[in-house]
Amino acid sequence: MKVRSQSFSIRTTRSNRQFVQGKRTGGWSCARALNELRALGEQRNIDGMARFGIRAKIVYGVAKPKMDLLARRIGKDHQLALELWATGVQDARILAGMIDLPERVTAAQMETWVRDFDNWDVCDGTCCHLFVFAVPAWKKALEWSQREEEFIKRAGFALRAYLAYRDKRATDAQFQRLLPVIEREAFDERNFVKKAVNWALRNIGKRNIHLNRAAIRTAERIRRQGSRSTRWLPQTRFANWKVQRCKPGSGEREAEENDCERKTERTEDSPREAQ
C-alpha cells in the first residue's frame, strides 16, 4: 500500500497578507512557536518517523495536518524562519521552510541550511516548500548533485525533481543539461541518493514529450552501466511515463500543491498520514 510522504505541505503563494515590509505580525516569537510545536507533538509520531528513516537529535513529532494549520496561523516571516532553523529542532526546521519568503532566500542561506540536512524529510520538505522558489535554485541543484555528503547530494536531485514541474518558464535545454549529471551520478548506491536520482529523472521525463524521450534514452544508458544502484530504475515501460499537464488557473495550483505532497516521489512512506 502506497502512502504519501511525511513532508509537510501548504498552499504556496507569492502574495502574503500577514507579512508587511519585513515586520512580524501576530505576535509570533521563536519561543512561542516552539511551545506550540512541543504541545502538538506526539510520541507515536516520533516512533513512526524512526521506522521510516526519519531520525533527528530533537524532534517533537507534530502531525502533518497540525503543522499545516500552525504554518497558516503564523504566516510568512523570514526572520522567524531563520530563528526556528537555528534551534536544531526537526519540526521547527520543517516549519521554517514553510513560512520563509523565497524572495529573501540567498545562496548563503541555502548553503547554511543544506549543511544541516540530516534526514530525507527535512531535505525534501525544505526543497519543496522553499528552495525550489529561490533565485539560486538552479545553481544549487547542479552544485549539490556533485557533492559527496549524502543529504546534500540528495538535495541537488530533489531540487531537480521539483524544478521539473514547478518552474514553468524553464526551457527544455535547461533540463537536458541536467541529464548527463544524472547519468554520471547514477552509480551512487546510497539509498537516499539513488532514489532521488530516479525521482529527478522521472520528473524530467514527465515534463513534455521531448524531455520524455531524452529521459528514456538516459535511463537506458544508465541501465547499461550494470551497477547495483542502476537496478533501482524502472526495468520496463519507460515509454509509459505520463507527460505532466497542468491546467491553468486554480487547477494548476491544485496540481502543484498535490505534487508538493509528493505523489510524484514515493520513495519514503509516512507514518503521519494516519493522524
C-alpha atoms as a PDB file:
ATOM      1  CA  MET A   1       0.000   0.000   0.000  1.00  0.00           C
ATOM      2  CA  LYS A   2       1.402   3.344  -1.011  1.00  0.00           C
ATOM      3  CA  VAL A   3       1.043   6.332   1.235  1.00  0.00           C
ATOM      4  CA  ARG A   4       2.121   9.859   0.766  1.00  0.00           C
ATOM      5  CA  SER A   5       5.357  11.232   2.105  1.00  0.00           C
ATOM      6  CA  GLN A   6       5.529  12.774   5.540  1.00  0.00           C
ATOM      7  CA  SER A   7       6.935  16.077   4.355  1.00  0.00           C
ATOM      8  CA  PHE A   8       4.508  18.850   5.137  1.00  0.00           C
ATOM      9  CA  SER A   9       2.570  20.826   2.544  1.00  0.00           C
ATOM     10  CA  ILE A  10       0.645  24.078   2.462  1.00  0.00           C
ATOM     11  CA  ARG A  11      -0.515  26.152  -0.447  1.00  0.00           C
ATOM     12  CA  THR A  12       2.390  28.228  -1.693  1.00  0.00           C
ATOM     13  CA  THR A  13       1.575  31.765  -2.787  1.00  0.00           C
ATOM     14  CA  ARG A  14       3.699  34.714  -3.729  1.00  0.00           C
ATOM     15  CA  SER A  15       1.356  37.114  -2.035  1.00  0.00           C
ATOM     16  CA  ASN A  16       1.335  37.403   1.725  1.00  0.00           C
ATOM     17  CA  ARG A  17      -1.181  39.295   3.767  1.00  0.00           C
ATOM     18  CA  GLN A  18       0.414  38.556   7.125  1.00  0.00           C
ATOM     19  CA  PHE A  19       3.891  39.858   6.374  1.00  0.00           C
ATOM     20  CA  VAL A  20       4.327  43.583   5.839  1.00  0.00           C
ATOM     21  CA  GLN A  21       7.666  45.215   4.987  1.00  0.00           C
ATOM     22  CA  GLY A  22       9.658  42.506   6.736  1.00  0.00           C
ATOM     23  CA  LYS A  23       7.997  43.133  10.106  1.00  0.00           C
ATOM     24  CA  ARG A  24       6.440  40.462  12.221  1.00  0.00           C
ATOM     25  CA  THR A  25       2.720  40.368  12.712  1.00  0.00           C
ATOM     26  CA  GLY A  26       0.599  38.286  15.035  1.00  0.00           C
ATOM     27  CA  GLY A  27       3.000  38.340  17.960  1.00  0.00           C
ATOM     28  CA  TRP A  28       4.877  35.183  16.965  1.00  0.00           C
ATOM     29  CA  SER A  29       8.281  34.720  18.565  1.00  0.00           C
ATOM     30  CA  CYS A  30      10.596  31.740  18.223  1.00  0.00           C
ATOM     31  CA  ALA A  31       9.815  30.697  21.796  1.00  0.00           C
ATOM     32  CA  ARG A  32       6.070  30.841  21.198  1.00  0.00           C
ATOM     33  CA  ALA A  33       6.346  28.800  18.005  1.00  0.00           C
ATOM     34  CA  LEU A  34       8.464  26.177  19.771  1.00  0.00           C
ATOM     35  CA  ASN A  35       5.944  25.948  22.591  1.00  0.00           C
ATOM     36  CA  GLU A  36       3.177  25.381  20.060  1.00  0.00           C
ATOM     37  CA  LEU A  37       5.176  22.679  18.296  1.00  0.00           C
ATOM     38  CA  ARG A  38       6.016  20.964  21.565  1.00  0.00           C
ATOM     39  CA  ALA A  39       2.359  20.926  22.591  1.00  0.00           C
ATOM     40  CA  LEU A  40       1.292  19.492  19.233  1.00  0.00           C
ATOM     41  CA  GLY A  41       3.866  16.689  19.174  1.00  0.00           C
ATOM     42  CA  GLU A  42       3.128  13.049  19.962  1.00  0.00           C
ATOM     43  CA  GLN A  43       5.438  10.190  20.859  1.00  0.00           C
ATOM     44  CA  ARG A  44       3.683   7.795  18.497  1.00  0.00           C
ATOM     45  CA  ASN A  45       4.626  10.078  15.599  1.00  0.00           C
ATOM     46  CA  ILE A  46       8.247  10.128  16.727  1.00  0.00           C
ATOM     47  CA  ASP A  47       8.259   6.335  16.833  1.00  0.00           C
ATOM     48  CA  GLY A  48       6.657   6.148  13.414  1.00  0.00           C
ATOM     49  CA  MET A  49       9.143   8.582  11.908  1.00  0.00           C
ATOM     50  CA  ALA A  50      12.047   6.463  13.136  1.00  0.00           C
ATOM     51  CA  ARG A  51      10.595   3.422  11.389  1.00  0.00           C
ATOM     52  CA  PHE A  52      10.670   5.346   8.130  1.00  0.00           C
ATOM     53  CA  GLY A  53      14.238   6.512   8.473  1.00  0.00           C
ATOM     54  CA  ILE A  54      13.489   9.990   9.821  1.00  0.00           C
ATOM     55  CA  ARG A  55      15.897  10.455  12.691  1.00  0.00           C
ATOM     56  CA  ALA A  56      16.873  13.741  14.270  1.00  0.00           C
ATOM     57  CA  LYS A  57      18.520  14.774  17.511  1.00  0.00           C
ATOM     58  CA  ILE A  58      15.495  16.794  18.656  1.00  0.00           C
ATOM     59  CA  VAL A  59      12.037  16.001  17.349  1.00  0.00           C
ATOM     60  CA  TYR A  60       8.554  16.620  18.766  1.00  0.00           C
ATOM     61  CA  GLY A  61       6.508  14.517  16.347  1.00  0.00           C
ATOM     62  CA  VAL A  62       3.982  17.051  15.040  1.00  0.00           C
ATOM     63  CA  ALA A  63       1.468  15.521  12.633  1.00  0.00           C
ATOM     64  CA  LYS A  64       1.138  16.973   9.147  1.00  0.00           C
ATOM     65  CA  PRO A  65      -2.370  18.455   9.438  1.00  0.00           C
ATOM     66  CA  LYS A  66      -1.430  20.212  12.662  1.00  0.00           C
ATOM     67  CA  MET A  67       1.772  21.564  11.115  1.00  0.00           C
ATOM     68  CA  ASP A  68      -0.227  22.894   8.164  1.00  0.00           C
ATOM     69  CA  LEU A  69      -2.582  24.771  10.454  1.00  0.00           C
ATOM     70  CA  LEU A  70       0.249  26.232  12.507  1.00  0.00           C
ATOM     71  CA  ALA A  71       2.066  27.449   9.387  1.00  0.00           C
ATOM     72  CA  ARG A  72      -1.104  29.179   8.211  1.00  0.00           C
ATOM     73  CA  ARG A  73      -1.607  30.812  11.603  1.00  0.00           C
ATOM     74  CA  ILE A  74       1.910  32.203  11.613  1.00  0.00           C
ATOM     75  CA  GLY A  75       2.025  33.365   8.005  1.00  0.00           C
ATOM     76  CA  LYS A  76       5.225  34.308   6.191  1.00  0.00           C
ATOM     77  CA  ASP A  77       8.111  35.519   8.344  1.00  0.00           C
ATOM     78  CA  HIS A  78      11.713  35.370   7.149  1.00  0.00           C
ATOM     79  CA  GLN A  79      13.373  36.309  10.435  1.00  0.00           C
ATOM     80  CA  LEU A  80      11.301  33.839  12.424  1.00  0.00           C
ATOM     81  CA  ALA A  81      12.199  31.144   9.908  1.00  0.00           C
ATOM     82  CA  LEU A  82      15.905  31.801  10.466  1.00  0.00           C
ATOM     83  CA  GLU A  83      15.441  31.616  14.234  1.00  0.00           C
ATOM     84  CA  LEU A  84      13.429  28.412  14.053  1.00  0.00           C
ATOM     85  CA  TRP A  85      16.032  26.759  11.865  1.00  0.00           C
ATOM     86  CA  ALA A  86      18.794  27.697  14.301  1.00  0.00           C
ATOM     87  CA  THR A  87      17.069  25.769  17.117  1.00  0.00           C
ATOM     88  CA  GLY A  88      18.015  22.449  15.540  1.00  0.00           C
ATOM     89  CA  VAL A  89      14.545  21.012  16.222  1.00  0.00           C
ATOM     90  CA  GLN A  90      13.311  18.803  13.361  1.00  0.00           C
ATOM     91  CA  ASP A  91       9.731  20.107  13.499  1.00  0.00           C
ATOM     92  CA  ALA A  92      10.923  23.716  13.761  1.00  0.00           C
ATOM     93  CA  ARG A  93      13.056  23.301  10.659  1.00  0.00           C
ATOM     94  CA  ILE A  94      10.156  21.882   8.672  1.00  0.00           C
ATOM     95  CA  LEU A  95       8.058  24.841   9.815  1.00  0.00           C
ATOM     96  CA  ALA A  96      10.856  27.262   8.904  1.00  0.00           C
ATOM     97  CA  GLY A  97      10.814  26.062   5.303  1.00  0.00           C
ATOM     98  CA  MET A  98       7.061  26.574   5.160  1.00  0.00           C
ATOM     99  CA  ILE A  99       6.966  30.149   6.493  1.00  0.00           C
ATOM    100  CA  ASP A 100      10.118  31.621   4.947  1.00  0.00           C
ATOM    101  CA  LEU A 101       9.941  34.011   1.994  1.00  0.00           C
ATOM    102  CA  PRO A 102      11.613  32.550  -1.125  1.00  0.00           C
ATOM    103  CA  GLU A 103      12.454  36.002  -2.484  1.00  0.00           C
ATOM    104  CA  ARG A 104      14.578  36.665   0.593  1.00  0.00           C
ATOM    105  CA  VAL A 105      16.453  33.386   0.470  1.00  0.00           C
ATOM    106  CA  THR A 106      20.081  33.828  -0.589  1.00  0.00           C
ATOM    107  CA  ALA A 107      22.671  31.346  -1.791  1.00  0.00           C
ATOM    108  CA  ALA A 108      24.451  31.765   1.545  1.00  0.00           C
ATOM    109  CA  GLN A 109      21.309  30.805   3.478  1.00  0.00           C
ATOM    110  CA  MET A 110      20.791  27.779   1.277  1.00  0.00           C
ATOM    111  CA  GLU A 111      24.362  26.649   1.899  1.00  0.00           C
ATOM    112  CA  THR A 112      23.966  27.099   5.641  1.00  0.00           C
ATOM    113  CA  TRP A 113      20.727  25.170   5.796  1.00  0.00           C
ATOM    114  CA  VAL A 114      21.730  22.345   3.460  1.00  0.00           C
ATOM    115  CA  ARG A 115      24.706  21.522   5.681  1.00  0.00           C
ATOM    116  CA  ASP A 116      22.191  20.826   8.458  1.00  0.00           C
ATOM    117  CA  PHE A 117      20.196  18.269   6.462  1.00  0.00           C
ATOM    118  CA  ASP A 118      20.392  15.014   8.409  1.00  0.00           C
ATOM    119  CA  ASN A 119      17.382  13.094   7.091  1.00  0.00           C
ATOM    120  CA  TRP A 120      15.319  12.852   3.918  1.00  0.00           C
ATOM    121  CA  ASP A 121      12.270  14.573   5.388  1.00  0.00           C
ATOM    122  CA  VAL A 122      13.854  17.906   6.227  1.00  0.00           C
ATOM    123  CA  CYS A 123      15.783  17.723   2.955  1.00  0.00           C
ATOM    124  CA  ASP A 124      12.757  17.150   0.723  1.00  0.00           C
ATOM    125  CA  GLY A 125      10.415  19.397   2.710  1.00  0.00           C
ATOM    126  CA  THR A 126      12.760  22.372   2.585  1.00  0.00           C
ATOM    127  CA  CYS A 127      13.448  21.901  -1.122  1.00  0.00           C
ATOM    128  CA  CYS A 128       9.738  21.523  -1.875  1.00  0.00           C
ATOM    129  CA  HIS A 129       8.372  24.460   0.083  1.00  0.00           C
ATOM    130  CA  LEU A 130      11.213  26.937  -0.135  1.00  0.00           C
ATOM    131  CA  PHE A 131      14.414  26.279  -2.071  1.00  0.00           C
ATOM    132  CA  VAL A 132      12.733  25.464  -5.385  1.00  0.00           C
ATOM    133  CA  PHE A 133      11.273  29.001  -5.471  1.00  0.00           C
ATOM    134  CA  ALA A 134      14.527  30.766  -4.553  1.00  0.00           C
ATOM    135  CA  VAL A 135      16.617  32.509  -7.209  1.00  0.00           C
ATOM    136  CA  PRO A 136      19.703  30.271  -6.694  1.00  0.00           C
ATOM    137  CA  ALA A 137      17.688  27.047  -7.105  1.00  0.00           C
ATOM    138  CA  TRP A 138      19.114  26.039 -10.490  1.00  0.00           C
ATOM    139  CA  LYS A 139      22.675  26.802  -9.485  1.00  0.00           C
ATOM    140  CA  LYS A 140      22.371  24.825  -6.268  1.00  0.00           C
ATOM    141  CA  ALA A 141      20.688  21.889  -7.997  1.00  0.00           C
ATOM    142  CA  LEU A 142      23.823  21.488 -10.090  1.00  0.00           C
ATOM    143  CA  GLU A 143      26.337  22.181  -7.337  1.00  0.00           C
ATOM    144  CA  TRP A 144      24.788  19.941  -4.699  1.00  0.00           C
ATOM    145  CA  SER A 145      24.338  16.968  -7.008  1.00  0.00           C
ATOM    146  CA  GLN A 146      28.121  16.838  -7.290  1.00  0.00           C
ATOM    147  CA  ARG A 147      28.751  16.947  -3.539  1.00  0.00           C
ATOM    148  CA  GLU A 148      29.703  13.853  -1.563  1.00  0.00           C
ATOM    149  CA  GLU A 149      27.538  14.340   1.564  1.00  0.00           C
ATOM    150  CA  GLU A 150      24.503  12.069   1.297  1.00  0.00           C
ATOM    151  CA  PHE A 151      21.698  14.526   2.054  1.00  0.00           C
ATOM    152  CA  ILE A 152      23.345  17.453   0.287  1.00  0.00           C
ATOM    153  CA  LYS A 153      23.636  15.314  -2.818  1.00  0.00           C
ATOM    154  CA  ARG A 154      20.045  14.198  -2.393  1.00  0.00           C
ATOM    155  CA  ALA A 155      19.004  17.849  -2.139  1.00  0.00           C
ATOM    156  CA  GLY A 156      20.570  18.521  -5.536  1.00  0.00           C
ATOM    157  CA  PHE A 157      18.469  15.840  -7.192  1.00  0.00           C
ATOM    158  CA  ALA A 158      15.365  16.678  -5.144  1.00  0.00           C
ATOM    159  CA  LEU A 159      15.622  20.243  -6.437  1.00  0.00           C
ATOM    160  CA  ARG A 160      15.824  18.926  -9.995  1.00  0.00           C
ATOM    161  CA  ALA A 161      12.697  16.875  -9.404  1.00  0.00           C
ATOM    162  CA  TYR A 162      10.774  19.870  -8.055  1.00  0.00           C
ATOM    163  CA  LEU A 163      12.055  22.256 -10.721  1.00  0.00           C
ATOM    164  CA  ALA A 164      10.769  19.868 -13.379  1.00  0.00           C
ATOM    165  CA  TYR A 165       7.179  20.774 -12.554  1.00  0.00           C
ATOM    166  CA  ARG A 166       7.468  23.970 -10.517  1.00  0.00           C
ATOM    167  CA  ASP A 167       9.466  26.061 -12.975  1.00  0.00           C
ATOM    168  CA  LYS A 168       7.018  26.601 -15.820  1.00  0.00           C
ATOM    169  CA  ARG A 169       9.341  29.066 -17.575  1.00  0.00           C
ATOM    170  CA  ALA A 170      12.349  26.770 -17.818  1.00  0.00           C
ATOM    171  CA  THR A 171      13.358  25.594 -21.275  1.00  0.00           C
ATOM    172  CA  ASP A 172      13.911  22.033 -22.400  1.00  0.00           C
ATOM    173  CA  ALA A 173      17.582  22.857 -22.872  1.00  0.00           C
ATOM    174  CA  GLN A 174      17.938  23.629 -19.170  1.00  0.00           C
ATOM    175  CA  PHE A 175      16.672  20.191 -18.232  1.00  0.00           C
ATOM    176  CA  GLN A 176      18.630  18.446 -20.964  1.00  0.00           C
ATOM    177  CA  ARG A 177      21.795  19.833 -19.420  1.00  0.00           C
ATOM    178  CA  LEU A 178      20.868  18.075 -16.178  1.00  0.00           C
ATOM    179  CA  LEU A 179      20.611  14.631 -17.748  1.00  0.00           C
ATOM    180  CA  PRO A 180      24.363  13.947 -18.139  1.00  0.00           C
ATOM    181  CA  VAL A 181      24.858  14.685 -14.443  1.00  0.00           C
ATOM    182  CA  ILE A 182      22.045  12.298 -13.555  1.00  0.00           C
ATOM    183  CA  GLU A 183      23.667   9.646 -15.743  1.00  0.00           C
ATOM    184  CA  ARG A 184      27.079  10.245 -14.206  1.00  0.00           C
ATOM    185  CA  GLU A 185      25.858  10.111 -10.590  1.00  0.00           C
ATOM    186  CA  ALA A 186      23.535   7.127 -11.029  1.00  0.00           C
ATOM    187  CA  PHE A 187      26.260   4.796  -9.760  1.00  0.00           C
ATOM    188  CA  ASP A 188      25.811   6.074  -6.181  1.00  0.00           C
ATOM    189  CA  GLU A 189      24.439   3.118  -4.220  1.00  0.00           C
ATOM    190  CA  ARG A 190      23.374   5.029  -1.123  1.00  0.00           C
ATOM    191  CA  ASN A 191      19.660   4.556  -0.587  1.00  0.00           C
ATOM    192  CA  PHE A 192      18.592   8.172  -0.269  1.00  0.00           C
ATOM    193  CA  VAL A 193      20.744   9.281  -3.187  1.00  0.00           C
ATOM    194  CA  LYS A 194      19.763   6.634  -5.711  1.00  0.00           C
ATOM    195  CA  LYS A 195      16.083   7.202  -5.013  1.00  0.00           C
ATOM    196  CA  ALA A 196      16.472  10.926  -5.610  1.00  0.00           C
ATOM    197  CA  VAL A 197      18.367  10.289  -8.864  1.00  0.00           C
ATOM    198  CA  ASN A 198      15.485   8.122 -10.086  1.00  0.00           C
ATOM    199  CA  TRP A 199      12.957  10.700  -8.902  1.00  0.00           C
ATOM    200  CA  ALA A 200      14.659  13.553 -10.770  1.00  0.00           C
ATOM    201  CA  LEU A 201      14.916  11.531 -13.979  1.00  0.00           C
ATOM    202  CA  ARG A 202      11.253  10.520 -13.854  1.00  0.00           C
ATOM    203  CA  ASN A 203      10.024  14.053 -13.230  1.00  0.00           C
ATOM    204  CA  ILE A 204      12.078  15.459 -16.090  1.00  0.00           C
ATOM    205  CA  GLY A 205      10.627  12.735 -18.293  1.00  0.00           C
ATOM    206  CA  LYS A 206       7.097  13.754 -17.327  1.00  0.00           C
ATOM    207  CA  ARG A 207       7.546  17.393 -18.301  1.00  0.00           C
ATOM    208  CA  ASN A 208       6.826  17.018 -22.019  1.00  0.00           C
ATOM    209  CA  ILE A 209       7.205  14.522 -24.861  1.00  0.00           C
ATOM    210  CA  HIS A 210      10.636  15.794 -25.958  1.00  0.00           C
ATOM    211  CA  LEU A 211      12.121  15.507 -22.474  1.00  0.00           C
ATOM    212  CA  ASN A 212      10.298  12.201 -22.065  1.00  0.00           C
ATOM    213  CA  ARG A 213      12.268  10.746 -24.956  1.00  0.00           C
ATOM    214  CA  ALA A 214      15.528  12.245 -23.714  1.00  0.00           C
ATOM    215  CA  ALA A 215      14.921  10.825 -20.227  1.00  0.00           C
ATOM    216  CA  ILE A 216      14.174   7.383 -21.647  1.00  0.00           C
ATOM    217  CA  ARG A 217      17.445   7.408 -23.584  1.00  0.00           C
ATOM    218  CA  THR A 218      19.296   8.457 -20.441  1.00  0.00           C
ATOM    219  CA  ALA A 219      17.624   5.722 -18.396  1.00  0.00           C
ATOM    220  CA  GLU A 220      18.583   3.094 -20.958  1.00  0.00           C
ATOM    221  CA  ARG A 221      22.219   4.200 -20.883  1.00  0.00           C
ATOM    222  CA  ILE A 222      22.179   4.143 -17.079  1.00  0.00           C
ATOM    223  CA  ARG A 223      20.840   0.591 -17.034  1.00  0.00           C
ATOM    224  CA  ARG A 224      23.683  -0.496 -19.285  1.00  0.00           C
ATOM    225  CA  GLN A 225      26.133   0.616 -16.591  1.00  0.00           C
ATOM    226  CA  GLY A 226      25.323  -2.618 -14.823  1.00  0.00           C
ATOM    227  CA  SER A 227      25.907  -1.306 -11.304  1.00  0.00           C
ATOM    228  CA  ARG A 228      23.754  -2.328  -8.344  1.00  0.00           C
ATOM    229  CA  SER A 229      22.355   1.177  -7.945  1.00  0.00           C
ATOM    230  CA  THR A 230      21.024   1.283 -11.507  1.00  0.00           C
ATOM    231  CA  ARG A 231      18.677  -1.586 -10.739  1.00  0.00           C
ATOM    232  CA  TRP A 232      16.547   0.946  -8.897  1.00  0.00           C
ATOM    233  CA  LEU A 233      15.492   2.428 -12.229  1.00  0.00           C
ATOM    234  CA  PRO A 234      12.263   1.124 -13.779  1.00  0.00           C
ATOM    235  CA  GLN A 235      13.081  -2.061 -15.642  1.00  0.00           C
ATOM    236  CA  THR A 236      10.446  -1.673 -18.352  1.00  0.00           C
ATOM    237  CA  ARG A 237       7.795   0.653 -19.749  1.00  0.00           C
ATOM    238  CA  PHE A 238       9.864   3.828 -19.815  1.00  0.00           C
ATOM    239  CA  ALA A 239       7.696   4.920 -22.714  1.00  0.00           C
ATOM    240  CA  ASN A 240       4.638   4.816 -20.473  1.00  0.00           C
ATOM    241  CA  TRP A 241       5.846   7.688 -18.305  1.00  0.00           C
ATOM    242  CA  LYS A 242       2.997  10.145 -18.418  1.00  0.00           C
ATOM    243  CA  VAL A 243       3.710  13.664 -19.581  1.00  0.00           C
ATOM    244  CA  GLN A 244       2.589  16.041 -16.861  1.00  0.00           C
ATOM    245  CA  ARG A 245      -0.105  18.512 -17.872  1.00  0.00           C
ATOM    246  CA  CYS A 246      -1.242  21.249 -15.505  1.00  0.00           C
ATOM    247  CA  LYS A 247      -4.498  23.046 -16.113  1.00  0.00           C
ATOM    248  CA  PRO A 248      -4.492  26.834 -15.967  1.00  0.00           C
ATOM    249  CA  GLY A 249      -5.780  28.766 -13.006  1.00  0.00           C
ATOM    250  CA  SER A 250      -6.887  27.045  -9.839  1.00  0.00           C
ATOM    251  CA  GLY A 251      -6.427  23.607 -11.333  1.00  0.00           C
ATOM    252  CA  GLU A 252      -2.732  24.261 -11.858  1.00  0.00           C
ATOM    253  CA  ARG A 253      -2.319  25.451  -8.293  1.00  0.00           C
ATOM    254  CA  GLU A 254      -4.108  22.365  -7.005  1.00  0.00           C
ATOM    255  CA  ALA A 255      -1.886  20.129  -9.118  1.00  0.00           C
ATOM    256  CA  GLU A 256       1.210  21.838  -7.749  1.00  0.00           C
ATOM    257  CA  GLU A 257       0.011  21.509  -4.175  1.00  0.00           C
ATOM    258  CA  ASN A 258      -0.710  17.828  -4.601  1.00  0.00           C
ATOM    259  CA  ASP A 259       2.686  17.283  -6.193  1.00  0.00           C
ATOM    260  CA  CYS A 260       4.372  19.029  -3.288  1.00  0.00           C
ATOM    261  CA  GLU A 261       2.837  16.351  -1.099  1.00  0.00           C
ATOM    262  CA  ARG A 262       4.985  14.145  -3.296  1.00  0.00           C
ATOM    263  CA  LYS A 263       2.620  11.957  -5.230  1.00  0.00           C
ATOM    264  CA  THR A 264       5.406  12.031  -7.828  1.00  0.00           C
ATOM    265  CA  GLU A 265       8.030  10.688  -5.432  1.00  0.00           C
ATOM    266  CA  ARG A 266       7.067   7.766  -3.229  1.00  0.00           C
ATOM    267  CA  THR A 267      10.480   6.628  -2.167  1.00  0.00           C
ATOM    268  CA  GLU A 268       9.633   7.006   1.508  1.00  0.00           C
ATOM    269  CA  ASP A 269       6.277   6.473   3.199  1.00  0.00           C
ATOM    270  CA  SER A 270       4.849   8.423   6.039  1.00  0.00           C
ATOM    271  CA  PRO A 271       3.599   7.268   9.410  1.00  0.00           C
ATOM    272  CA  ARG A 272       1.927  10.627   9.966  1.00  0.00           C
ATOM    273  CA  GLU A 273      -0.760  10.333   7.296  1.00  0.00           C
ATOM    274  CA  ALA A 274      -2.774   8.112   9.599  1.00  0.00           C
ATOM    275  CA  GLN A 275      -3.018  11.026  12.008  1.00  0.00           C
END
